Each structure stands twice: as structure tokens, then as C-alpha cells.
Protein backbone atom coordinates (compact mmCIF):
# COMPACT_ATOMS: atom_id res chain seq x y z
CA MET A 1 108.17 -76.20 -88.61
CA VAL A 2 107.31 -77.91 -91.91
CA SER A 3 108.54 -75.95 -94.92
CA THR A 4 108.25 -78.10 -98.02
CA PRO A 5 105.50 -78.19 -100.66
CA GLN A 6 105.58 -81.99 -100.35
CA THR A 7 103.93 -81.66 -96.94
CA ILE A 8 101.09 -79.71 -98.50
CA ALA A 9 100.79 -82.39 -101.14
CA CYS A 10 100.45 -85.08 -98.47
CA ILE A 11 97.71 -83.13 -96.76
CA MET A 12 95.75 -82.51 -99.97
CA LEU A 13 96.12 -86.03 -101.33
CA LEU A 14 94.82 -87.47 -98.07
CA LEU A 15 91.80 -85.13 -98.04
CA PRO A 16 89.41 -87.45 -99.97
CA CYS A 17 90.16 -90.21 -97.49
CA MET A 18 89.62 -88.08 -94.39
CA THR A 19 86.44 -88.47 -92.40
CA TYR A 20 84.76 -85.63 -90.68
CA ALA A 21 85.80 -85.21 -87.08
CA ASP A 22 83.24 -86.79 -84.84
CA SER A 23 82.08 -84.88 -81.83
CA GLU A 24 81.71 -86.71 -78.60
CA VAL A 25 78.84 -89.18 -78.92
CA ILE A 26 76.65 -89.53 -75.88
CA GLN A 27 73.62 -91.75 -76.31
CA PRO A 28 73.03 -91.21 -80.04
CA LEU A 29 69.40 -90.42 -80.74
CA SER A 30 68.22 -92.19 -83.87
CA LEU A 31 65.35 -90.80 -85.89
CA GLN A 32 63.12 -93.73 -85.00
CA ALA A 33 63.90 -93.31 -81.30
CA ALA A 34 63.02 -89.62 -81.50
CA LEU A 35 59.70 -90.43 -83.15
CA THR A 36 58.90 -93.06 -80.53
CA ILE A 37 59.71 -90.72 -77.63
CA SER A 38 57.60 -87.93 -79.10
CA LEU A 39 54.57 -90.19 -79.52
CA GLN A 40 54.91 -91.39 -75.94
CA HIS A 41 55.70 -88.16 -74.12
CA ASN A 42 54.72 -85.11 -76.18
CA LEU A 43 52.39 -83.04 -74.00
CA SER A 44 50.47 -81.42 -76.84
CA LEU A 45 49.70 -84.87 -78.23
CA ALA A 46 48.56 -85.98 -74.77
CA GLN A 47 46.31 -82.92 -74.67
CA GLN A 48 44.75 -83.87 -78.01
CA GLN A 49 44.29 -87.43 -76.76
CA ALA A 50 42.50 -86.20 -73.66
CA ARG A 51 40.26 -83.99 -75.80
CA ALA A 52 39.30 -86.93 -78.02
CA GLU A 53 38.52 -89.05 -74.98
CA ALA A 54 36.41 -86.25 -73.54
CA MET A 55 34.45 -86.03 -76.80
CA ASP A 56 33.69 -89.76 -76.53
CA SER A 57 31.74 -89.06 -73.34
CA ILE A 58 29.35 -86.56 -74.92
CA PRO A 59 27.03 -88.71 -77.13
CA SER A 60 25.52 -90.72 -74.28
CA GLN A 61 24.92 -87.51 -72.34
CA VAL A 62 22.98 -85.72 -75.08
CA ALA A 63 21.08 -88.92 -75.98
CA SER A 64 19.70 -89.29 -72.46
CA LEU A 65 16.36 -87.89 -71.32
CA PRO A 66 16.45 -84.90 -69.00
CA ASP A 67 16.47 -85.80 -65.35
CA PRO A 68 12.95 -86.31 -63.98
CA ILE A 69 11.65 -83.72 -61.52
CA ILE A 70 10.22 -84.68 -58.14
CA HIS A 71 7.49 -82.38 -56.82
CA PHE A 72 6.31 -81.69 -53.25
CA ASN A 73 3.32 -79.37 -53.11
CA ALA A 74 0.86 -78.07 -50.55
CA LEU A 75 -2.33 -77.28 -52.51
CA ASN A 76 -5.25 -75.09 -51.55
CA LEU A 77 -3.98 -74.46 -48.04
CA PRO A 78 -6.27 -71.96 -46.19
CA ILE A 79 -4.22 -69.02 -45.08
CA ASN A 80 -6.56 -68.07 -42.26
CA SER A 81 -5.78 -71.19 -40.28
CA PHE A 82 -3.32 -73.31 -42.30
CA ASN A 83 -5.45 -76.25 -41.14
CA LEU A 84 -5.17 -79.25 -43.47
CA ALA A 85 -8.63 -80.52 -42.42
CA GLN A 86 -10.55 -77.27 -43.00
CA GLU A 87 -11.10 -77.37 -46.78
CA ASN A 88 -12.01 -80.31 -48.99
CA MET A 89 -9.47 -79.36 -51.70
CA THR A 90 -6.54 -78.99 -49.33
CA GLN A 91 -3.97 -81.66 -49.95
CA LEU A 92 -0.32 -82.45 -49.64
CA GLN A 93 0.87 -83.55 -53.03
CA GLY A 94 3.90 -85.46 -54.27
CA GLY A 95 4.68 -86.35 -57.83
CA VAL A 96 7.18 -86.75 -60.62
CA SER A 97 7.34 -85.15 -64.04
CA GLN A 98 9.45 -85.89 -67.09
CA ASN A 99 10.31 -83.74 -70.10
CA LEU A 100 9.95 -85.73 -73.33
CA PRO A 101 11.57 -84.27 -76.46
CA PHE A 102 9.75 -85.03 -79.69
CA PHE A 103 10.58 -88.41 -81.16
CA GLY A 104 13.95 -88.38 -82.97
CA LYS A 105 15.44 -85.26 -81.41
CA LEU A 106 17.64 -87.08 -78.92
CA ALA A 107 18.80 -89.49 -81.63
CA LEU A 108 19.88 -86.56 -83.79
CA LYS A 109 21.74 -84.95 -80.89
CA GLU A 110 23.54 -88.23 -80.27
CA LYS A 111 24.36 -88.62 -83.95
CA SER A 112 25.81 -85.13 -84.15
CA ALA A 113 27.92 -85.71 -81.04
CA LEU A 114 29.14 -89.07 -82.36
CA HIS A 115 30.32 -87.41 -85.57
CA GLN A 116 32.07 -84.71 -83.54
CA ALA A 117 33.79 -87.36 -81.44
CA GLU A 118 34.92 -89.20 -84.57
CA ALA A 119 36.19 -85.90 -85.98
CA ALA A 120 38.17 -85.35 -82.78
CA HIS A 121 39.89 -88.72 -83.21
CA TYR A 122 40.76 -87.92 -86.81
CA GLN A 123 42.10 -84.57 -85.61
CA LEU A 124 44.19 -86.50 -83.10
CA GLY A 125 45.55 -88.58 -85.97
CA GLU A 126 46.29 -85.41 -87.93
CA PHE A 127 48.12 -83.92 -84.97
CA ARG A 128 50.15 -87.11 -84.65
CA LEU A 129 51.18 -86.82 -88.29
CA GLN A 130 52.18 -83.17 -87.85
CA LEU A 131 54.19 -84.06 -84.74
CA GLN A 132 56.06 -86.80 -86.57
CA ARG A 133 56.76 -84.40 -89.42
CA ASP A 134 58.10 -81.75 -87.04
CA VAL A 135 60.33 -84.27 -85.25
CA GLN A 136 61.75 -85.59 -88.52
CA GLN A 137 62.39 -82.13 -89.93
CA ILE A 138 64.17 -80.81 -86.85
CA TRP A 139 66.12 -84.09 -86.53
CA TRP A 140 67.40 -83.73 -90.08
CA ARG A 141 68.18 -80.06 -89.49
CA ILE A 142 70.33 -81.01 -86.50
CA PHE A 143 72.00 -83.71 -88.58
CA TYR A 144 72.87 -81.13 -91.27
CA LEU A 145 74.21 -78.64 -88.74
CA GLN A 146 76.38 -81.30 -87.11
CA ARG A 147 77.81 -82.37 -90.49
CA ALA A 148 78.46 -78.73 -91.41
CA LEU A 149 80.28 -78.08 -88.14
CA GLU A 150 82.39 -81.20 -88.64
CA ILE A 151 83.38 -80.04 -92.12
CA ILE A 152 84.26 -76.61 -90.76
CA ALA A 153 86.38 -78.15 -88.00
CA LEU A 154 88.26 -80.26 -90.56
CA ASN A 155 88.94 -77.25 -92.76
CA GLN A 156 90.03 -75.18 -89.80
CA ASN A 157 92.70 -77.78 -89.09
CA LEU A 158 93.80 -77.74 -92.73
CA LEU A 159 93.96 -73.94 -92.79
CA ARG A 160 95.95 -73.96 -89.57
CA GLN A 161 98.53 -76.16 -91.24
CA PHE A 162 98.45 -74.01 -94.36
CA ILE A 163 99.12 -70.93 -92.23
CA ASN A 164 102.10 -72.62 -90.60
CA ILE A 165 103.46 -73.60 -94.00
CA ALA A 166 102.97 -70.11 -95.44
CA ARG A 167 104.59 -68.53 -92.40
CA THR A 168 107.58 -70.84 -92.65
CA LYS A 169 108.03 -70.11 -96.34
CA TYR A 170 107.80 -66.39 -95.63
CA GLU A 171 110.42 -66.62 -92.88
CA VAL A 172 112.90 -68.30 -95.23
CA GLY A 173 112.17 -65.84 -98.03
CA GLU A 174 110.24 -68.27 -100.27
CA GLY A 175 106.77 -66.85 -99.67
CA LEU A 176 104.80 -63.67 -99.13
CA GLN A 177 103.45 -62.22 -95.91
CA GLN A 178 100.11 -61.62 -97.60
CA ASP A 179 99.73 -65.40 -97.99
CA VAL A 180 99.84 -65.74 -94.22
CA LEU A 181 97.43 -62.88 -93.65
CA LEU A 182 94.95 -64.04 -96.27
CA ALA A 183 94.97 -67.60 -94.94
CA GLN A 184 94.35 -66.25 -91.44
CA LEU A 185 91.44 -64.21 -92.80
CA GLU A 186 89.84 -67.27 -94.38
CA ARG A 187 90.27 -69.14 -91.11
CA SER A 188 88.57 -66.27 -89.24
CA LYS A 189 85.66 -66.46 -91.69
CA LEU A 190 85.35 -70.14 -90.90
CA LEU A 191 85.27 -69.33 -87.21
CA ASP A 192 82.50 -66.77 -87.77
CA ARG A 193 80.40 -69.32 -89.65
CA GLN A 194 81.10 -71.91 -86.99
CA LEU A 195 79.74 -69.59 -84.29
CA SER A 196 76.61 -68.93 -86.35
CA LEU A 197 75.96 -72.62 -86.94
CA GLN A 198 76.56 -73.44 -83.28
CA GLY A 199 73.87 -70.93 -82.33
CA LEU A 200 71.44 -72.49 -84.80
CA LEU A 201 72.32 -75.96 -83.49
CA LYS A 202 71.60 -74.95 -79.90
CA LYS A 203 68.19 -73.58 -80.89
CA SER A 204 67.45 -76.74 -82.86
CA HIS A 205 68.38 -78.88 -79.85
CA ALA A 206 65.93 -76.89 -77.73
CA ARG A 207 63.19 -77.32 -80.34
CA LEU A 208 63.70 -81.09 -80.58
CA ASN A 209 63.80 -81.44 -76.80
CA ASN A 210 60.54 -79.53 -76.59
CA LEU A 211 58.88 -81.96 -78.99
CA LEU A 212 60.22 -84.86 -76.93
CA ALA A 213 59.05 -83.29 -73.63
CA ARG A 214 62.61 -83.03 -72.35
CA PRO A 215 64.53 -80.13 -70.77
CA ALA A 216 65.47 -77.59 -73.44
CA ASN A 217 69.17 -77.75 -72.57
CA GLN A 218 69.44 -81.55 -72.60
CA HIS A 219 72.32 -82.75 -74.74
CA VAL A 220 71.37 -84.16 -78.15
CA SER A 221 73.73 -86.36 -80.14
CA LEU A 222 72.79 -88.01 -83.42
CA PRO A 223 74.35 -91.07 -85.05
CA ALA A 224 77.56 -90.28 -86.93
CA GLN A 225 76.68 -92.45 -89.93
CA ILE A 226 73.49 -92.82 -91.95
CA ALA A 227 72.54 -94.43 -95.23
CA GLU A 228 72.90 -91.74 -97.89
CA THR A 229 70.00 -92.94 -100.01
CA LEU A 230 66.95 -91.11 -101.32
CA VAL A 231 63.82 -92.91 -102.49
CA THR A 232 61.93 -92.60 -105.75
CA LEU A 233 58.51 -91.09 -105.12
CA LYS A 234 55.19 -92.15 -106.56
CA SER A 235 53.63 -89.77 -109.06
CA GLU A 236 51.75 -86.72 -107.86
CA SER A 237 48.42 -88.04 -109.13
CA ILE A 238 48.87 -91.25 -107.11
CA LEU A 239 49.81 -89.23 -104.04
CA TYR A 240 46.62 -87.17 -104.49
CA LYS A 241 44.55 -90.36 -104.47
CA LEU A 242 46.34 -91.66 -101.40
CA ALA A 243 45.74 -88.38 -99.57
CA LYS A 244 42.05 -88.38 -100.48
CA ASN A 245 41.66 -91.81 -98.87
CA SER A 246 44.16 -91.51 -96.01
CA ARG A 247 44.52 -87.91 -94.85
CA ALA A 248 43.05 -87.62 -91.36
CA LEU A 249 42.40 -83.91 -91.88
CA LEU A 250 39.96 -84.64 -94.71
CA HIS A 251 38.26 -87.44 -92.77
CA ALA A 252 37.81 -85.10 -89.82
CA GLN A 253 36.19 -82.52 -92.07
CA HIS A 254 33.83 -85.14 -93.52
CA LYS A 255 32.74 -85.96 -89.98
CA SER A 256 32.24 -82.25 -89.26
CA ILE A 257 29.95 -82.10 -92.30
CA ASP A 258 28.01 -85.13 -91.04
CA SER A 259 27.66 -83.46 -87.66
CA ALA A 260 26.42 -80.26 -89.31
CA GLN A 261 23.83 -82.26 -91.26
CA SER A 262 22.55 -83.80 -88.03
CA ARG A 263 22.31 -80.36 -86.44
CA LEU A 264 20.35 -79.12 -89.44
CA ALA A 265 17.90 -82.03 -89.14
CA LEU A 266 17.60 -81.29 -85.42
CA ALA A 267 16.87 -77.63 -86.14
CA GLN A 268 14.13 -78.68 -88.57
CA LYS A 269 12.60 -80.83 -85.84
CA SER A 270 12.55 -77.82 -83.52
CA LEU A 271 9.29 -76.87 -85.26
CA LEU A 272 7.74 -79.90 -83.57
CA PRO A 273 6.67 -79.59 -79.91
CA ASP A 274 8.30 -81.17 -76.87
CA PHE A 275 6.15 -82.68 -74.12
CA LYS A 276 6.11 -82.78 -70.37
CA LEU A 277 4.33 -85.61 -68.54
CA GLY A 278 3.65 -85.54 -64.81
CA VAL A 279 1.97 -87.89 -62.33
CA PHE A 280 0.98 -86.57 -58.89
CA TYR A 281 -0.55 -88.06 -55.74
CA GLY A 282 -2.44 -85.82 -53.32
CA GLY A 283 -3.12 -86.89 -49.75
CA ARG A 284 -6.07 -85.26 -47.88
CA SER A 285 -6.73 -85.24 -44.15
CA ASP A 286 -10.08 -86.14 -42.56
CA SER A 287 -12.53 -83.26 -42.28
CA LEU A 288 -13.07 -81.36 -39.02
CA SER A 289 -16.18 -83.48 -38.43
CA GLY A 290 -14.14 -86.66 -38.81
CA GLN A 291 -15.42 -87.51 -42.27
CA GLN A 292 -12.89 -89.41 -44.33
CA ARG A 293 -11.83 -87.83 -47.62
CA ALA A 294 -10.34 -89.79 -50.52
CA ASP A 295 -6.83 -89.07 -51.73
CA LEU A 296 -6.45 -87.70 -55.26
CA MET A 297 -4.26 -88.52 -58.26
CA SER A 298 -3.44 -86.07 -61.07
CA ILE A 299 -1.95 -86.65 -64.51
CA LYS A 300 -0.59 -83.69 -66.44
CA LEU A 301 0.53 -83.45 -70.03
CA SER A 302 1.88 -80.24 -71.53
CA MET A 303 3.77 -79.21 -74.64
CA ASN A 304 5.39 -76.13 -76.02
CA LEU A 305 3.95 -74.24 -78.96
CA PRO A 306 6.37 -72.81 -81.57
CA LEU A 307 4.44 -69.56 -81.92
CA PHE A 308 7.55 -67.57 -82.84
CA ALA A 309 8.85 -70.01 -85.44
CA VAL A 310 9.50 -67.30 -88.04
CA THR A 311 11.94 -65.41 -85.83
CA LYS A 312 13.25 -68.32 -83.80
CA GLN A 313 13.08 -71.88 -85.12
CA GLN A 314 13.22 -70.89 -88.79
CA LYS A 315 16.23 -68.68 -88.14
CA SER A 316 17.90 -71.62 -86.41
CA ILE A 317 17.26 -73.74 -89.50
CA ASP A 318 18.76 -71.03 -91.71
CA GLN A 319 21.78 -70.81 -89.42
CA GLN A 320 22.43 -74.55 -89.47
CA HIS A 321 21.99 -74.64 -93.23
CA SER A 322 24.60 -71.91 -93.64
CA GLU A 323 26.96 -73.67 -91.25
CA LEU A 324 26.58 -76.86 -93.27
CA GLN A 325 27.48 -74.97 -96.44
CA GLN A 326 30.45 -73.43 -94.66
CA GLN A 327 31.70 -76.87 -93.67
CA ARG A 328 31.36 -78.09 -97.25
CA TYR A 329 33.26 -75.09 -98.63
CA HIS A 330 35.90 -75.65 -95.97
CA LEU A 331 36.35 -79.25 -97.14
CA GLN A 332 36.82 -78.09 -100.72
CA ALA A 333 39.36 -75.48 -99.61
CA GLN A 334 41.20 -78.07 -97.52
CA TRP A 335 41.37 -80.49 -100.42
CA LEU A 336 42.84 -77.82 -102.70
CA GLN A 337 45.33 -76.91 -99.96
CA VAL A 338 46.31 -80.56 -99.52
CA GLN A 339 46.96 -80.89 -103.25
CA MET A 340 49.07 -77.73 -103.24
CA ASP A 341 51.05 -78.89 -100.20
CA ILE A 342 51.68 -82.27 -101.83
CA SER A 343 52.88 -80.63 -105.03
CA ASN A 344 55.17 -78.25 -103.13
CA ALA A 345 56.70 -81.02 -101.03
CA TYR A 346 57.03 -83.22 -104.11
CA SER A 347 58.82 -80.44 -105.98
CA ASP A 348 61.09 -79.69 -103.01
CA PHE A 349 62.05 -83.34 -102.71
CA GLN A 350 62.82 -83.78 -106.40
CA GLN A 351 64.85 -80.58 -106.54
CA SER A 352 66.85 -81.38 -103.41
CA LYS A 353 67.40 -84.97 -104.53
CA GLN A 354 68.78 -83.86 -107.88
CA GLN A 355 70.97 -81.26 -106.21
CA SER A 356 72.40 -83.78 -103.76
CA ILE A 357 73.17 -86.20 -106.61
CA LEU A 358 74.77 -83.40 -108.58
CA PHE A 359 76.97 -82.36 -105.67
CA LYS A 360 77.97 -85.91 -104.76
CA GLN A 361 78.57 -87.28 -108.24
CA GLY A 362 79.61 -84.16 -110.13
CA ILE A 363 80.49 -80.95 -108.37
CA ILE A 364 82.41 -82.30 -105.36
CA PRO A 365 84.61 -84.72 -107.38
CA GLN A 366 85.31 -81.90 -109.84
CA ALA A 367 86.16 -79.53 -106.98
CA ARG A 368 88.56 -82.09 -105.55
CA GLN A 369 90.23 -82.43 -108.94
CA THR A 370 90.53 -78.65 -109.07
CA VAL A 371 92.20 -78.58 -105.66
CA ALA A 372 94.64 -81.29 -106.74
CA SER A 373 95.40 -79.43 -109.97
CA MET A 374 96.01 -76.15 -108.14
CA LEU A 375 98.22 -77.97 -105.67
CA ALA A 376 100.34 -79.25 -108.53
CA GLY A 377 100.54 -75.72 -109.93
CA TYR A 378 101.48 -74.34 -106.54
CA GLN A 379 104.34 -76.82 -106.24
CA VAL A 380 105.93 -75.35 -109.37
CA ASN A 381 105.02 -71.75 -108.42
CA LYS A 382 102.37 -71.40 -111.14
CA VAL A 383 99.49 -70.97 -108.67
CA ASP A 384 99.55 -68.54 -105.81
CA PHE A 385 98.86 -69.67 -102.26
CA LEU A 386 95.62 -67.71 -101.92
CA ASN A 387 93.97 -69.49 -104.84
CA LEU A 388 95.03 -72.81 -103.39
CA VAL A 389 93.41 -71.93 -100.06
CA ARG A 390 90.27 -70.60 -101.69
CA SER A 391 89.89 -73.70 -103.82
CA GLN A 392 89.87 -75.71 -100.60
CA ILE A 393 87.27 -73.34 -99.10
CA THR A 394 85.14 -73.78 -102.22
CA LEU A 395 85.36 -77.54 -101.82
CA TYR A 396 84.21 -77.36 -98.22
CA ASN A 397 81.30 -75.10 -99.24
CA TYR A 398 80.19 -77.68 -101.80
CA GLU A 399 80.39 -80.43 -99.18
CA ILE A 400 78.17 -78.42 -96.85
CA GLN A 401 75.74 -77.72 -99.68
CA TYR A 402 75.57 -81.43 -100.41
CA TRP A 403 74.47 -82.22 -96.86
CA GLN A 404 72.06 -79.31 -96.95
CA ALA A 405 70.43 -80.61 -100.15
CA PHE A 406 70.38 -84.17 -98.81
CA THR A 407 68.70 -83.23 -95.52
CA LYS A 408 66.26 -80.89 -97.31
CA ALA A 409 65.16 -83.88 -99.38
CA LYS A 410 64.61 -85.86 -96.18
CA GLN A 411 62.63 -82.95 -94.71
CA ALA A 412 60.54 -82.68 -97.87
CA LYS A 413 59.74 -86.38 -97.67
CA ALA A 414 58.64 -85.95 -94.05
CA GLN A 415 56.39 -83.10 -95.16
CA LEU A 416 55.02 -85.23 -98.00
CA ILE A 417 54.16 -88.10 -95.65
CA ALA A 418 52.29 -85.70 -93.38
CA MET A 419 50.40 -84.22 -96.34
CA VAL A 420 49.46 -87.62 -97.80
CA GLY A 421 48.65 -89.13 -94.43
CA LYS A 422 50.63 -92.36 -94.72
CA GLU A 423 54.21 -93.57 -95.02
CA ALA A 424 53.89 -95.27 -98.41
CA VAL A 425 54.88 -92.34 -100.62
CA ASP A 426 57.77 -94.07 -102.40
CA GLU A 427 57.64 -96.72 -105.08
């Protein structure tokens, strides 16, 4: 058993040079690889893609004329004999008729459907952005949890050695039993936090696997090292302008407004009649006396009359006008929401970035100096063992908070990219 303060000094002086214990690395999943897999295999994205493709098939359908109708008729057939030669007007008739919407109605239906299809593709783009945001945020959450667990594992090892040292000093009469007990308590607290973080990590693995269309229990391992850099963002006003031009959500809503305008114009045309044109050929048999009778041809033209326009067509116009207004209000509300989301993500990024810099450049170095100072005091019996242990616990808490702030900044940037609608959010 080690029993000298010099051993403690060796442990503490080597602490700044220690690296966090790496867990077993099995096929590290980089952030870019996770994004690529999600875009290729995510089932919800595939569903949105199928919906957009289905919408592409609608315009040509609504722009086509109704199917023509083929007619087969037996006209003026005497019921007393059912003899085709008995009456002059008896004939077997065949023909075709076609419904003809008023000029411009089909074009407006096609235009409305085209706008809806375009909106669906913009919605697909919006969903893709949201998916990428979700993947990045959960990836960075897993990265934070893994770093936190590594820090806890390192400090558990240190506390285990501290406990052994305190126990040895107590056994030779140079220490107190309470030092051993208190160090064991702090180690138990670390174990409790470790269990909590492991549970969160397992749930985060399941969430990421779900986004990547993989089994929920599939092992996830991230790279052990990353570049600890955070970008400088463009100003909020510039990000607003970028979002106004790039955000798929806003483009989709513009297309919904265009579609609503086409439906309003179509409703206004409903006051105009539709037509039905038919051409028929009637074949007649020779008379009973053998006299030949000429076949007949008929041409029919009909149209509907909007006699109930006040309660029907006009109400449809009012409805479409209100729906158009609703779509316009919705666009305004969306734009305000986009601005708010950008500002929130911008603020979150700046705050987390400053916190991470503060921890890395200020608080953590100061905490390490404090630990070294308390170690020196402990060596000459001016600092009790508990304070030495707690100073080390405080240092590990600051290290965890650093990674938490760093990954929150990365998550905020992912949110900002999704809100702006493009990657170029940094200077």
C-alpha cells in the first residue's frame, strides 16, 4: 500500500497531462457519416419523398378533360311487339358525348395542383433540414455524454487511489477514518451520476439509431477526438435575410398561397357554365312493307345553369377568399416564428460559446491551480483531505460543464442552420 503524500503529488501533477479513458471504439460514426446515412435511409424522409412524387402526378390528371361517354340506346321501341320495323321512329342508337368545362377552368386546376406539388417539394426540403438538425443535435448529445462518462471514469480511478492512501494513513495513525468514509461517499456519488448518464446515453443511442433507420440497440461509437473550434456567426439581420431567401418552409407557404389564388380564380369561374357535347348515330330497320328508312344522326349540346349562385357558387368564392387570407396570415406568422427561432438559436450559440471559452481558458485552469495549491497545503497538513478531494470533484464538474457548453453551441448551430435554411451561417 502507498502511504506517502509524494504519491498523491505525483497523481495530481500528472492530472493535466492525463487523457480521458477511451471506451472501446467499434466503427466510429462521424457526424458527416451519420448525416449521410440518415439522408439515404431515414424512413420518414422516404415517406415525404414519396408524397412529393405523388403530388407531381396530380397536375396532368386535373388538367385533362373528363373521359368521354359512349352511349348505346334503343329509342322509341314499341312495347306491344318490340319489333324494330313497326314504327318509323324506332332506332338503335350509338354515340359519344364529352363534358367540356368552360374555357380556363382546367388550366386553373392544373395551376393550383402544380403549386401544391411545388409546395410538397419545398416541404420535403424542409423535412430534410429538420432531419439533419435532429441528427446533429443527438450526435452532439451522445458526444457530450461519452466525454462526461470518460471524465467520471478518470475521477473514479483517482478517488480509488485517494481512498487507498487515506486508509493507509489511517492505519498507521497519520490520518482520520472520516477521510476514508468521506472519500468513499464522493466516489459513490460519482457512481450514481455515472448510472444516470449511462441511462441517458442508451436512450440517445436509440434515438440516433431511429433517425438512421437502424435497430434501436445497435452499438454507437463516436470518434474520440474532434476539433474544439467554434465559428463566428453572421449578424442576426443577415441571417434573417438569408432565411427569407433560403428557408424551404417559407417557399412552401408562398406556393400554398399561389395555389389558393388559383382556387379562388377557379371558384370565380364556377359562375360560368360548363358544356356537354354529344354526337349520336341512329340506325333504323326497313318498314314492315319493305320500305327503306334512312338512318338518323343527332347532335346535342347542353350546359348547366348556375341558378343557385347566391347559396352555392358565391359561397364557394367567399370560402376560397377566406382560405387565401388564412394562407397569407399563416405566412406572416411563420416569418415571425422563423425570426424568433433564429434569434433564440443565435443567443444560445453565443452564450454557450462564451461559456465554453470561459471554462477552457479561465475556470478550468484556475481550478487546476486550486487543486495544486490544496495539494501543497495537504502535504504540510494545512489542508484537510476532504477539501483536497472536493477540489478535485469541483475540477471534474467544470470539465463536464465545458463539454456541455461546447456541445450546446454545436447543437445551437445545427438549429440555426435549420432555421436559416442553408449551411452558410458563419462568417
